[in-house]
PDB file of N, CA and C in Angstrom:
ATOM      1  N   MET A   1       0.833  -1.288  -0.053  1.00  0.00           N
ATOM      2  CA  MET A   1      -0.162   0.037  -0.156  1.00  0.00           C
ATOM      3  C   MET A   1       0.759   1.226   0.095  1.00  0.00           C
ATOM      4  N   PRO A   2       0.631   2.145  -0.884  1.00  0.00           N
ATOM      5  CA  PRO A   2       1.300   3.475  -0.947  1.00  0.00           C
ATOM      6  C   PRO A   2       1.356   4.181   0.492  1.00  0.00           C
ATOM      7  N   THR A   3       2.277   4.990   0.818  1.00  0.00           N
ATOM      8  CA  THR A   3       2.553   5.760   2.095  1.00  0.00           C
ATOM      9  C   THR A   3       2.100   7.005   1.626  1.00  0.00           C
ATOM     10  N   LEU A   4       1.053   7.613   2.575  1.00  0.00           N
ATOM     11  CA  LEU A   4       0.671   8.964   2.299  1.00  0.00           C
ATOM     12  C   LEU A   4       1.661  10.057   2.749  1.00  0.00           C
ATOM     13  N   GLY A   5       2.078  11.032   2.291  1.00  0.00           N
ATOM     14  CA  GLY A   5       3.102  12.065   2.723  1.00  0.00           C
ATOM     15  C   GLY A   5       3.814  12.645   1.517  1.00  0.00           C
ATOM     16  N   ALA A   6       4.029  13.790   1.607  1.00  0.00           N
ATOM     17  CA  ALA A   6       4.796  14.521   0.486  1.00  0.00           C
ATOM     18  C   ALA A   6       6.160  14.210   0.862  1.00  0.00           C
ATOM     19  N   ARG A   7       6.876  13.932  -0.384  1.00  0.00           N
ATOM     20  CA  ARG A   7       8.418  13.911  -0.422  1.00  0.00           C
ATOM     21  C   ARG A   7       8.619  14.430  -1.831  1.00  0.00           C
ATOM     22  N   PRO A   8      10.007  14.976  -1.700  1.00  0.00           N
ATOM     23  CA  PRO A   8      10.420  15.572  -3.205  1.00  0.00           C
ATOM     24  C   PRO A   8      10.669  14.305  -4.161  1.00  0.00           C
ATOM     25  N   CYS A   9      10.616  14.630  -5.190  1.00  0.00           N
ATOM     26  CA  CYS A   9      10.840  13.347  -6.169  1.00  0.00           C
ATOM     27  C   CYS A   9      11.493  14.054  -7.596  1.00  0.00           C
ATOM     28  N   ALA A  10      12.535  13.508  -7.892  1.00  0.00           N
ATOM     29  CA  ALA A  10      13.412  14.182  -8.916  1.00  0.00           C
ATOM     30  C   ALA A  10      13.123  13.396 -10.221  1.00  0.00           C
ATOM     31  N   ARG A  11      12.179  12.438 -10.234  1.00  0.00           N
ATOM     32  CA  ARG A  11      11.735  11.712 -11.300  1.00  0.00           C
ATOM     33  C   ARG A  11      11.120  12.411 -12.385  1.00  0.00           C
ATOM     34  N   ALA A  12      11.322  12.263 -13.642  1.00  0.00           N
ATOM     35  CA  ALA A  12      10.844  12.841 -14.817  1.00  0.00           C
ATOM     36  C   ALA A  12       9.183  12.761 -14.570  1.00  0.00           C
ATOM     37  N   PRO A  13       8.498  13.647 -15.067  1.00  0.00           N
ATOM     38  CA  PRO A  13       7.112  13.524 -15.007  1.00  0.00           C
ATOM     39  C   PRO A  13       6.353  12.355 -15.498  1.00  0.00           C
ATOM     40  N   ILE A  14       6.824  11.797 -16.666  1.00  0.00           N
ATOM     41  CA  ILE A  14       6.245  10.714 -17.170  1.00  0.00           C
ATOM     42  C   ILE A  14       6.464   9.479 -16.243  1.00  0.00           C
ATOM     43  N   ARG A  15       7.738   9.414 -15.497  1.00  0.00           N
ATOM     44  CA  ARG A  15       7.939   8.407 -14.482  1.00  0.00           C
ATOM     45  C   ARG A  15       6.987   8.596 -13.459  1.00  0.00           C
ATOM     46  N   ARG A  16       6.819   9.804 -12.855  1.00  0.00           N
ATOM     47  CA  ARG A  16       5.802   9.926 -11.743  1.00  0.00           C
ATOM     48  C   ARG A  16       4.320   9.586 -12.147  1.00  0.00           C
ATOM     49  N   LEU A  17       3.864   9.725 -13.358  1.00  0.00           N
ATOM     50  CA  LEU A  17       2.826   9.205 -13.882  1.00  0.00           C
ATOM     51  C   LEU A  17       2.743   7.594 -13.996  1.00  0.00           C
ATOM     52  N   ALA A  18       3.664   7.044 -14.235  1.00  0.00           N
ATOM     53  CA  ALA A  18       3.922   5.510 -14.027  1.00  0.00           C
ATOM     54  C   ALA A  18       3.797   5.076 -12.753  1.00  0.00           C
ATOM     55  N   ASP A  19       4.439   5.837 -11.543  1.00  0.00           N
ATOM     56  CA  ASP A  19       4.388   5.493 -10.142  1.00  0.00           C
ATOM     57  C   ASP A  19       2.827   5.743  -9.776  1.00  0.00           C
ATOM     58  N   LEU A  20       2.085   6.813 -10.224  1.00  0.00           N
ATOM     59  CA  LEU A  20       0.691   7.006  -9.949  1.00  0.00           C
ATOM     60  C   LEU A  20      -0.130   5.793 -10.440  1.00  0.00           C
ATOM     61  N   ASP A  21       0.012   5.387 -11.740  1.00  0.00           N
ATOM     62  CA  ASP A  21      -0.738   4.406 -12.328  1.00  0.00           C
ATOM     63  C   ASP A  21      -0.397   3.128 -11.553  1.00  0.00           C
ATOM     64  N   SER A  22       0.786   2.747 -11.251  1.00  0.00           N
ATOM     65  CA  SER A  22       1.035   1.575 -10.540  1.00  0.00           C
ATOM     66  C   SER A  22       0.562   1.430  -9.034  1.00  0.00           C
ATOM     67  N   GLY A  23       0.305   2.752  -8.283  1.00  0.00           N
ATOM     68  CA  GLY A  23      -0.055   2.645  -7.014  1.00  0.00           C
ATOM     69  C   GLY A  23       0.962   3.001  -6.164  1.00  0.00           C
ATOM     70  N   THR A  24       1.874   3.200  -6.720  1.00  0.00           N
ATOM     71  CA  THR A  24       3.486   3.542  -5.828  1.00  0.00           C
ATOM     72  C   THR A  24       3.196   4.899  -5.054  1.00  0.00           C
ATOM     73  N   VAL A  25       2.536   5.830  -5.684  1.00  0.00           N
ATOM     74  CA  VAL A  25       2.199   7.043  -5.146  1.00  0.00           C
ATOM     75  C   VAL A  25       0.656   7.336  -5.149  1.00  0.00           C
ATOM     76  N   GLU A  26       0.006   8.157  -4.397  1.00  0.00           N
ATOM     77  CA  GLU A  26      -1.283   8.254  -4.391  1.00  0.00           C
ATOM     78  C   GLU A  26      -1.560   9.461  -5.372  1.00  0.00           C
ATOM     79  N   ALA A  27      -0.659  10.540  -5.446  1.00  0.00           N
ATOM     80  CA  ALA A  27      -0.838  11.732  -6.418  1.00  0.00           C
ATOM     81  C   ALA A  27       0.539  12.151  -6.680  1.00  0.00           C
ATOM     82  N   VAL A  28       0.455  13.005  -7.881  1.00  0.00           N
ATOM     83  CA  VAL A  28       1.793  13.553  -8.209  1.00  0.00           C
ATOM     84  C   VAL A  28       1.353  15.072  -8.334  1.00  0.00           C
ATOM     85  N   THR A  29       2.571  15.953  -8.504  1.00  0.00           N
ATOM     86  CA  THR A  29       2.388  17.474  -8.627  1.00  0.00           C
ATOM     87  C   THR A  29       3.168  17.674  -9.785  1.00  0.00           C
ATOM     88  N   THR A  30       2.832  18.323 -10.717  1.00  0.00           N
ATOM     89  CA  THR A  30       3.402  18.949 -11.986  1.00  0.00           C
ATOM     90  C   THR A  30       2.698  19.961 -12.615  1.00  0.00           C
ATOM     91  N   ASP A  31       3.027  20.586 -13.517  1.00  0.00           N
ATOM     92  CA  ASP A  31       2.080  21.585 -14.029  1.00  0.00           C
ATOM     93  C   ASP A  31       1.083  20.956 -14.783  1.00  0.00           C
ATOM     94  N   ASN A  32       0.004  21.908 -14.954  1.00  0.00           N
ATOM     95  CA  ASN A  32      -1.428  21.238 -15.327  1.00  0.00           C
ATOM     96  C   ASN A  32      -1.125  20.699 -16.971  1.00  0.00           C
ATOM     97  N   ALA A  33      -0.379  21.534 -17.592  1.00  0.00           N
ATOM     98  CA  ALA A  33      -0.405  21.437 -19.122  1.00  0.00           C
ATOM     99  C   ALA A  33       0.599  20.089 -19.293  1.00  0.00           C
ATOM    100  N   LEU A  34       1.648  20.078 -18.436  1.00  0.00           N
ATOM    101  CA  LEU A  34       2.534  18.641 -18.637  1.00  0.00           C
ATOM    102  C   LEU A  34       1.752  17.466 -18.323  1.00  0.00           C
ATOM    103  N   PHE A  35       1.065  17.624 -17.263  1.00  0.00           N
ATOM    104  CA  PHE A  35       0.272  16.397 -16.658  1.00  0.00           C
ATOM    105  C   PHE A  35      -0.810  15.896 -17.691  1.00  0.00           C
ATOM    106  N   ALA A  36      -1.756  17.100 -18.180  1.00  0.00           N
ATOM    107  CA  ALA A  36      -2.628  16.859 -19.200  1.00  0.00           C
ATOM    108  C   ALA A  36      -2.285  16.391 -20.375  1.00  0.00           C
ATOM    109  N   GLY A  37      -0.950  16.792 -21.059  1.00  0.00           N
ATOM    110  CA  GLY A  37      -0.474  16.243 -22.099  1.00  0.00           C
ATOM    111  C   GLY A  37      -0.185  14.712 -22.083  1.00  0.00           C
ATOM    112  N   TYR A  38       0.589  14.319 -21.038  1.00  0.00           N
ATOM    113  CA  TYR A  38       0.991  12.976 -20.764  1.00  0.00           C
ATOM    114  C   TYR A  38      -0.359  12.126 -20.580  1.00  0.00           C
ATOM    115  N   ALA A  39      -1.240  12.636 -19.883  1.00  0.00           N
ATOM    116  CA  ALA A  39      -2.530  11.901 -19.366  1.00  0.00           C
ATOM    117  C   ALA A  39      -3.407  11.611 -20.536  1.00  0.00           C
ATOM    118  N   ALA A  40      -3.214  12.397 -21.673  1.00  0.00           N
ATOM    119  CA  ALA A  40      -4.194  12.403 -22.700  1.00  0.00           C
ATOM    120  C   ALA A  40      -3.717  11.483 -23.775  1.00  0.00           C
ATOM    121  N   HIS A  41      -2.523  10.572 -23.532  1.00  0.00           N
ATOM    122  CA  HIS A  41      -2.048   9.500 -24.499  1.00  0.00           C
ATOM    123  C   HIS A  41      -1.890   8.361 -23.918  1.00  0.00           C
ATOM    124  N   ASP A  42      -1.885   7.353 -24.805  1.00  0.00           N
ATOM    125  CA  ASP A  42      -1.379   5.855 -24.394  1.00  0.00           C
ATOM    126  C   ASP A  42      -0.229   5.894 -23.728  1.00  0.00           C
ATOM    127  N   PRO A  43      -0.038   5.156 -22.489  1.00  0.00           N
ATOM    128  CA  PRO A  43      -1.072   4.164 -21.980  1.00  0.00           C
ATOM    129  C   PRO A  43      -1.865   4.618 -20.994  1.00  0.00           C
ATOM    130  N   TYR A  44      -1.926   6.230 -20.757  1.00  0.00           N
ATOM    131  CA  TYR A  44      -2.810   6.702 -19.593  1.00  0.00           C
ATOM    132  C   TYR A  44      -3.909   7.443 -20.025  1.00  0.00           C
ATOM    133  N   GLU A  45      -4.327   7.392 -21.481  1.00  0.00           N
ATOM    134  CA  GLU A  45      -5.649   8.310 -21.867  1.00  0.00           C
ATOM    135  C   GLU A  45      -6.787   7.810 -20.948  1.00  0.00           C
ATOM    136  N   GLY A  46      -7.457   8.629 -20.269  1.00  0.00           N
ATOM    137  CA  GLY A  46      -8.735   8.523 -19.596  1.00  0.00           C
ATOM    138  C   GLY A  46      -8.507   7.801 -17.977  1.00  0.00           C
ATOM    139  N   ARG A  47      -7.257   7.794 -17.928  1.00  0.00           N
ATOM    140  CA  ARG A  47      -7.018   7.033 -16.400  1.00  0.00           C
ATOM    141  C   ARG A  47      -6.938   8.000 -15.295  1.00  0.00           C
ATOM    142  N   PHE A  48      -6.663   9.193 -15.593  1.00  0.00           N
ATOM    143  CA  PHE A  48      -6.371  10.360 -14.488  1.00  0.00           C
ATOM    144  C   PHE A  48      -7.207  11.550 -14.688  1.00  0.00           C
ATOM    145  N   LYS A  49      -7.312  12.333 -13.797  1.00  0.00           N
ATOM    146  CA  LYS A  49      -7.883  13.776 -13.752  1.00  0.00           C
ATOM    147  C   LYS A  49      -7.162  14.595 -12.737  1.00  0.00           C
ATOM    148  N   LEU A  50      -7.365  15.880 -13.307  1.00  0.00           N
ATOM    149  CA  LEU A  50      -6.762  16.832 -12.397  1.00  0.00           C
ATOM    150  C   LEU A  50      -7.609  17.126 -11.086  1.00  0.00           C
ATOM    151  N   ALA A  51      -6.877  17.464 -10.123  1.00  0.00           N
ATOM    152  CA  ALA A  51      -7.655  17.489  -8.825  1.00  0.00           C
ATOM    153  C   ALA A  51      -8.274  19.012  -8.586  1.00  0.00           C
ATOM    154  N   GLY A  52      -7.946  19.920  -9.496  1.00  0.00           N
ATOM    155  CA  GLY A  52      -8.836  21.319  -9.205  1.00  0.00           C
ATOM    156  C   GLY A  52      -8.038  21.961  -8.373  1.00  0.00           C
ATOM    157  N   VAL A  53      -6.835  21.722  -8.049  1.00  0.00           N
ATOM    158  CA  VAL A  53      -5.949  22.618  -7.201  1.00  0.00           C
ATOM    159  C   VAL A  53      -5.047  23.376  -7.810  1.00  0.00           C
ATOM    160  N   ASP A  54      -5.080  24.698  -7.928  1.00  0.00           N
ATOM    161  CA  ASP A  54      -3.883  25.553  -8.414  1.00  0.00           C
ATOM    162  C   ASP A  54      -3.049  25.896  -7.255  1.00  0.00           C
ATOM    163  N   ALA A  55      -1.982  25.161  -7.297  1.00  0.00           N
ATOM    164  CA  ALA A  55      -0.861  25.056  -6.317  1.00  0.00           C
ATOM    165  C   ALA A  55       0.079  26.362  -6.535  1.00  0.00           C
ATOM    166  N   SER A  56      -0.009  26.769  -7.652  1.00  0.00           N
ATOM    167  CA  SER A  56       0.712  27.983  -8.083  1.00  0.00           C
ATOM    168  C   SER A  56       0.026  29.114  -8.996  1.00  0.00           C
ATOM    169  N   ASP A  57       0.467  30.146  -8.861  1.00  0.00           N
ATOM    170  CA  ASP A  57       0.016  31.157 -10.074  1.00  0.00           C
ATOM    171  C   ASP A  57       1.122  31.791 -10.819  1.00  0.00           C
ATOM    172  N   GLU A  58       2.311  30.762 -10.900  1.00  0.00           N
ATOM    173  CA  GLU A  58       3.481  31.265 -11.802  1.00  0.00           C
ATOM    174  C   GLU A  58       3.450  31.301 -13.187  1.00  0.00           C
ATOM    175  N   PRO A  59       3.691  32.401 -13.835  1.00  0.00           N
ATOM    176  CA  PRO A  59       3.334  32.382 -15.357  1.00  0.00           C
ATOM    177  C   PRO A  59       4.373  31.380 -16.060  1.00  0.00           C
ATOM    178  N   TYR A  60       4.039  31.064 -17.167  1.00  0.00           N
ATOM    179  CA  TYR A  60       4.745  30.257 -18.221  1.00  0.00           C
ATOM    180  C   TYR A  60       5.347  31.247 -19.103  1.00  0.00           C
ATOM    181  N   GLY A  61       6.626  30.873 -19.649  1.00  0.00           N
ATOM    182  CA  GLY A  61       7.074  31.871 -20.674  1.00  0.00           C
ATOM    183  C   GLY A  61       7.484  30.994 -21.840  1.00  0.00           C
ATOM    184  N   ILE A  62       7.897  31.753 -22.944  1.00  0.00           N
ATOM    185  CA  ILE A  62       8.495  31.064 -24.070  1.00  0.00           C
ATOM    186  C   ILE A  62       9.791  31.797 -24.366  1.00  0.00           C
ATOM    187  N   GLY A  63      10.782  31.024 -24.233  1.00  0.00           N
ATOM    188  CA  GLY A  63      12.198  31.541 -24.409  1.00  0.00           C
ATOM    189  C   GLY A  63      12.516  31.541 -25.966  1.00  0.00           C
ATOM    190  N   VAL A  64      13.097  32.755 -26.285  1.00  0.00           N
ATOM    191  CA  VAL A  64      13.454  33.085 -27.749  1.00  0.00           C
ATOM    192  C   VAL A  64      14.763  33.716 -27.646  1.00  0.00           C
ATOM    193  N   PRO A  65      15.671  33.470 -28.851  1.00  0.00           N
ATOM    194  CA  PRO A  65      17.052  34.178 -28.905  1.00  0.00           C
ATOM    195  C   PRO A  65      16.917  35.557 -28.740  1.00  0.00           C
ATOM    196  N   GLU A  66      17.817  36.368 -28.533  1.00  0.00           N
ATOM    197  CA  GLU A  66      17.901  37.738 -28.542  1.00  0.00           C
ATOM    198  C   GLU A  66      17.952  38.219 -30.038  1.00  0.00           C
ATOM    199  N   GLY A  67      17.430  39.165 -30.396  1.00  0.00           N
ATOM    200  CA  GLY A  67      17.456  39.839 -31.873  1.00  0.00           C
ATOM    201  C   GLY A  67      16.433  39.129 -32.817  1.00  0.00           C
ATOM    202  N   GLY A  68      16.365  39.670 -33.783  1.00  0.00           N
ATOM    203  CA  GLY A  68      15.161  39.207 -34.849  1.00  0.00           C
ATOM    204  C   GLY A  68      13.863  39.396 -34.301  1.00  0.00           C
ATOM    205  N   ASP A  69      12.789  38.731 -34.832  1.00  0.00           N
ATOM    206  CA  ASP A  69      11.506  38.890 -34.556  1.00  0.00           C
ATOM    207  C   ASP A  69      10.713  37.787 -34.069  1.00  0.00           C
ATOM    208  N   ALA A  70      11.559  36.772 -33.486  1.00  0.00           N
ATOM    209  CA  ALA A  70      10.908  35.567 -32.952  1.00  0.00           C
ATOM    210  C   ALA A  70       9.900  35.747 -31.833  1.00  0.00           C
ATOM    211  N   LYS A  71       9.889  36.737 -31.060  1.00  0.00           N
ATOM    212  CA  LYS A  71       9.040  37.109 -30.078  1.00  0.00           C
ATOM    213  C   LYS A  71       7.802  37.870 -30.635  1.00  0.00           C
ATOM    214  N   GLY A  72       7.840  38.688 -31.685  1.00  0.00           N
ATOM    215  CA  GLY A  72       6.743  39.189 -32.282  1.00  0.00           C
ATOM    216  C   GLY A  72       6.020  38.047 -33.049  1.00  0.00           C
ATOM    217  N   THR A  73       6.791  37.316 -33.843  1.00  0.00           N
ATOM    218  CA  THR A  73       6.094  36.150 -34.588  1.00  0.00           C
ATOM    219  C   THR A  73       5.315  35.146 -33.645  1.00  0.00           C
ATOM    220  N   ILE A  74       5.906  34.872 -32.619  1.00  0.00           N
ATOM    221  CA  ILE A  74       5.040  33.811 -31.691  1.00  0.00           C
ATOM    222  C   ILE A  74       3.915  34.690 -31.167  1.00  0.00           C
ATOM    223  N   ARG A  75       4.128  35.873 -30.625  1.00  0.00           N
ATOM    224  CA  ARG A  75       2.823  36.522 -30.175  1.00  0.00           C
ATOM    225  C   ARG A  75       1.813  36.772 -31.150  1.00  0.00           C
ATOM    226  N   ARG A  76       2.127  37.220 -32.417  1.00  0.00           N
ATOM    227  CA  ARG A  76       1.113  37.239 -33.413  1.00  0.00           C
ATOM    228  C   ARG A  76       0.426  35.733 -33.603  1.00  0.00           C
ATOM    229  N   ALA A  77       1.297  34.973 -33.686  1.00  0.00           N
ATOM    230  CA  ALA A  77       0.783  33.463 -34.046  1.00  0.00           C
ATOM    231  C   ALA A  77      -0.238  33.075 -32.872  1.00  0.00           C
ATOM    232  N   LEU A  78       0.168  33.325 -31.564  1.00  0.00           N
ATOM    233  CA  LEU A  78      -0.719  32.881 -30.480  1.00  0.00           C
ATOM    234  C   LEU A  78      -1.976  33.832 -30.540  1.00  0.00           C
ATOM    235  N   GLN A  79      -1.656  35.223 -30.613  1.00  0.00           N
ATOM    236  CA  GLN A  79      -3.097  35.880 -30.785  1.00  0.00           C
ATOM    237  C   GLN A  79      -4.093  35.515 -31.866  1.00  0.00           C
ATOM    238  N   LYS A  80      -3.560  35.091 -33.124  1.00  0.00           N
ATOM    239  CA  LYS A  80      -4.338  34.466 -34.278  1.00  0.00           C
ATOM    240  C   LYS A  80      -5.028  33.170 -33.761  1.00  0.00           C
ATOM    241  N   MET A  81      -4.252  32.444 -32.925  1.00  0.00           N
ATOM    242  CA  MET A  81      -4.977  31.248 -32.508  1.00  0.00           C
ATOM    243  C   MET A  81      -6.107  31.484 -31.614  1.00  0.00           C
ATOM    244  N   ILE A  82      -5.710  32.431 -30.585  1.00  0.00           N
ATOM    245  CA  ILE A  82      -6.924  32.749 -29.697  1.00  0.00           C
ATOM    246  C   ILE A  82      -8.049  33.342 -30.435  1.00  0.00           C
ATOM    247  N   ASP A  83      -7.903  34.310 -31.474  1.00  0.00           N
ATOM    248  CA  ASP A  83      -9.065  35.028 -32.028  1.00  0.00           C
ATOM    249  C   ASP A  83      -9.555  34.160 -33.039  1.00  0.00           C
ATOM    250  N   ASP A  84      -9.210  33.234 -33.545  1.00  0.00           N
ATOM    251  CA  ASP A  84      -9.981  32.238 -34.503  1.00  0.00           C
ATOM    252  C   ASP A  84     -10.398  30.885 -33.935  1.00  0.00           C
ATOM    253  N   GLY A  85     -10.081  30.746 -32.572  1.00  0.00           N
ATOM    254  CA  GLY A  85     -10.604  29.556 -31.915  1.00  0.00           C
ATOM    255  C   GLY A  85      -9.643  28.242 -32.047  1.00  0.00           C
ATOM    256  N   SER A  86      -8.463  28.463 -32.742  1.00  0.00           N
ATOM    257  CA  SER A  86      -7.706  27.111 -32.984  1.00  0.00           C
ATOM    258  C   SER A  86      -6.940  26.828 -31.697  1.00  0.00           C
ATOM    259  N   TRP A  87      -6.692  27.823 -30.739  1.00  0.00           N
ATOM    260  CA  TRP A  87      -6.188  27.613 -29.497  1.00  0.00           C
ATOM    261  C   TRP A  87      -6.924  26.517 -28.591  1.00  0.00           C
ATOM    262  N   GLU A  88      -8.306  27.141 -28.688  1.00  0.00           N
ATOM    263  CA  GLU A  88      -9.248  26.173 -27.739  1.00  0.00           C
ATOM    264  C   GLU A  88      -9.421  24.826 -28.368  1.00  0.00           C
ATOM    265  N   ARG A  89      -9.399  24.675 -29.774  1.00  0.00           N
ATOM    266  CA  ARG A  89      -9.595  23.386 -30.377  1.00  0.00           C
ATOM    267  C   ARG A  89      -8.297  22.563 -30.134  1.00  0.00           C
ATOM    268  N   ALA A  90      -7.099  23.212 -30.166  1.00  0.00           N
ATOM    269  CA  ALA A  90      -5.877  22.422 -29.908  1.00  0.00           C
ATOM    270  C   ALA A  90      -5.751  21.856 -28.464  1.00  0.00           C
ATOM    271  N   VAL A  91      -6.288  22.744 -27.597  1.00  0.00           N
ATOM    272  CA  VAL A  91      -6.419  22.346 -25.981  1.00  0.00           C
ATOM    273  C   VAL A  91      -7.369  21.106 -26.008  1.00  0.00           C
ATOM    274  N   GLU A  92      -8.340  21.306 -26.455  1.00  0.00           N
ATOM    275  CA  GLU A  92      -9.360  20.102 -26.478  1.00  0.00           C
ATOM    276  C   GLU A  92      -8.834  18.886 -27.025  1.00  0.00           C
ATOM    277  N   ARG A  93      -8.234  18.959 -28.322  1.00  0.00           N
ATOM    278  CA  ARG A  93      -7.601  17.734 -28.984  1.00  0.00           C
ATOM    279  C   ARG A  93      -6.459  17.151 -28.180  1.00  0.00           C
ATOM    280  N   ASN A  94      -5.442  17.982 -27.776  1.00  0.00           N
ATOM    281  CA  ASN A  94      -4.389  17.597 -27.100  1.00  0.00           C
ATOM    282  C   ASN A  94      -4.203  17.530 -25.837  1.00  0.00           C
ATOM    283  N   LEU A  95      -4.961  18.410 -25.029  1.00  0.00           N
ATOM    284  CA  LEU A  95      -4.928  18.424 -23.533  1.00  0.00           C
ATOM    285  C   LEU A  95      -6.205  18.430 -23.055  1.00  0.00           C
ATOM    286  N   PRO A  96      -7.059  17.359 -23.201  1.00  0.00           N
ATOM    287  CA  PRO A  96      -8.572  17.281 -23.003  1.00  0.00           C
ATOM    288  C   PRO A  96      -8.871  17.798 -21.294  1.00  0.00           C
ATOM    289  N   LEU A  97      -7.862  17.251 -20.556  1.00  0.00           N
ATOM    290  CA  LEU A  97      -8.114  17.661 -18.934  1.00  0.00           C
ATOM    291  C   LEU A  97      -8.221  19.166 -18.942  1.00  0.00           C
ATOM    292  N   LEU A  98      -7.630  19.914 -19.739  1.00  0.00           N
ATOM    293  CA  LEU A  98      -7.609  21.434 -19.690  1.00  0.00           C
ATOM    294  C   LEU A  98      -8.603  22.068 -20.504  1.00  0.00           C
ATOM    295  N   LYS A  99      -9.738  21.246 -20.993  1.00  0.00           N
ATOM    296  CA  LYS A  99     -10.802  21.978 -21.792  1.00  0.00           C
ATOM    297  C   LYS A  99     -11.393  23.035 -20.866  1.00  0.00           C
ATOM    298  N   GLY A 100     -11.617  24.104 -21.622  1.00  0.00           N
ATOM    299  CA  GLY A 100     -12.267  25.222 -20.782  1.00  0.00           C
ATOM    300  C   GLY A 100     -11.292  26.275 -20.087  1.00  0.00           C
ATOM    301  N   THR A 101     -10.173  25.867 -20.117  1.00  0.00           N
ATOM    302  CA  THR A 101      -8.922  26.611 -19.503  1.00  0.00           C
ATOM    303  C   THR A 101      -9.025  28.102 -20.473  1.00  0.00           C
ATOM    304  N   ALA A 102      -8.701  29.099 -19.658  1.00  0.00           N
ATOM    305  CA  ALA A 102      -8.576  30.359 -20.523  1.00  0.00           C
ATOM    306  C   ALA A 102      -7.282  30.329 -21.221  1.00  0.00           C
ATOM    307  N   PRO A 103      -7.344  30.825 -22.423  1.00  0.00           N
ATOM    308  CA  PRO A 103      -6.012  30.910 -23.151  1.00  0.00           C
ATOM    309  C   PRO A 103      -5.043  31.830 -22.479  1.00  0.00           C
ATOM    310  N   PRO A 104      -3.778  31.909 -23.111  1.00  0.00           N
ATOM    311  CA  PRO A 104      -2.648  32.772 -22.451  1.00  0.00           C
ATOM    312  C   PRO A 104      -2.916  34.157 -22.474  1.00  0.00           C
ATOM    313  N   VAL A 105      -2.463  34.878 -21.438  1.00  0.00           N
ATOM    314  CA  VAL A 105      -2.566  36.399 -21.631  1.00  0.00           C
ATOM    315  C   VAL A 105      -1.290  36.741 -22.179  1.00  0.00           C
ATOM    316  N   LEU A 106      -1.403  37.523 -23.270  1.00  0.00           N
ATOM    317  CA  LEU A 106      -0.208  37.989 -24.020  1.00  0.00           C
ATOM    318  C   LEU A 106      -0.082  39.500 -23.241  1.00  0.00           C
ATOM    319  N   ARG A 107       1.102  39.589 -22.417  1.00  0.00           N
ATOM    320  CA  ARG A 107       1.443  40.657 -21.795  1.00  0.00           C
ATOM    321  C   ARG A 107       2.731  41.313 -22.264  1.00  0.00           C
ATOM    322  N   ALA A 108       3.248  42.473 -21.791  1.00  0.00           N
ATOM    323  CA  ALA A 108       4.680  42.760 -22.278  1.00  0.00           C
ATOM    324  C   ALA A 108       5.585  42.030 -21.249  1.00  0.00           C
ATOM    325  N   ALA A 109       6.641  41.551 -22.179  1.00  0.00           N
ATOM    326  CA  ALA A 109       7.580  40.697 -21.448  1.00  0.00           C
ATOM    327  C   ALA A 109       8.615  41.777 -20.996  1.00  0.00           C
ATOM    328  N   ALA A 110       9.428  41.326 -20.030  1.00  0.00           N
ATOM    329  CA  ALA A 110      10.715  41.992 -19.604  1.00  0.00           C
ATOM    330  C   ALA A 110      11.658  41.938 -20.882  1.00  0.00           C
ATOM    331  N   GLY A 111      12.222  43.142 -20.854  1.00  0.00           N
ATOM    332  CA  GLY A 111      13.321  43.216 -21.990  1.00  0.00           C
ATOM    333  C   GLY A 111      12.576  43.772 -23.413  1.00  0.00           C
ATOM    334  N   GLY A 112      11.221  44.180 -23.315  1.00  0.00           N
ATOM    335  CA  GLY A 112      10.546  44.689 -24.467  1.00  0.00           C
ATOM    336  C   GLY A 112       9.504  43.748 -25.229  1.00  0.00           C
TER     337      GLY A 112
END
């Protein structure tokens, strides 16, 4: 029987999902998108759910090289996806546990 109690785990998220599936642990923590992505595909599809606990409000970021217009290109592409509904469709198709989650908020980033 699994032992209840929090303990740090340096295992990769997919390994932690295997531990959850095998009953070695009773719960895992990771970011919602990562968990939902792994849980949406074989061999775990349909076997897990998010507990509905927002353990953090840390923002996600997208790293790009300095110079060029990668930041602008990414921002325009994300805004287009949000505007035309393809963001929501992609979440529903690839991260069904996150269906209904608000799209990203595009805000000014540090450094311009």
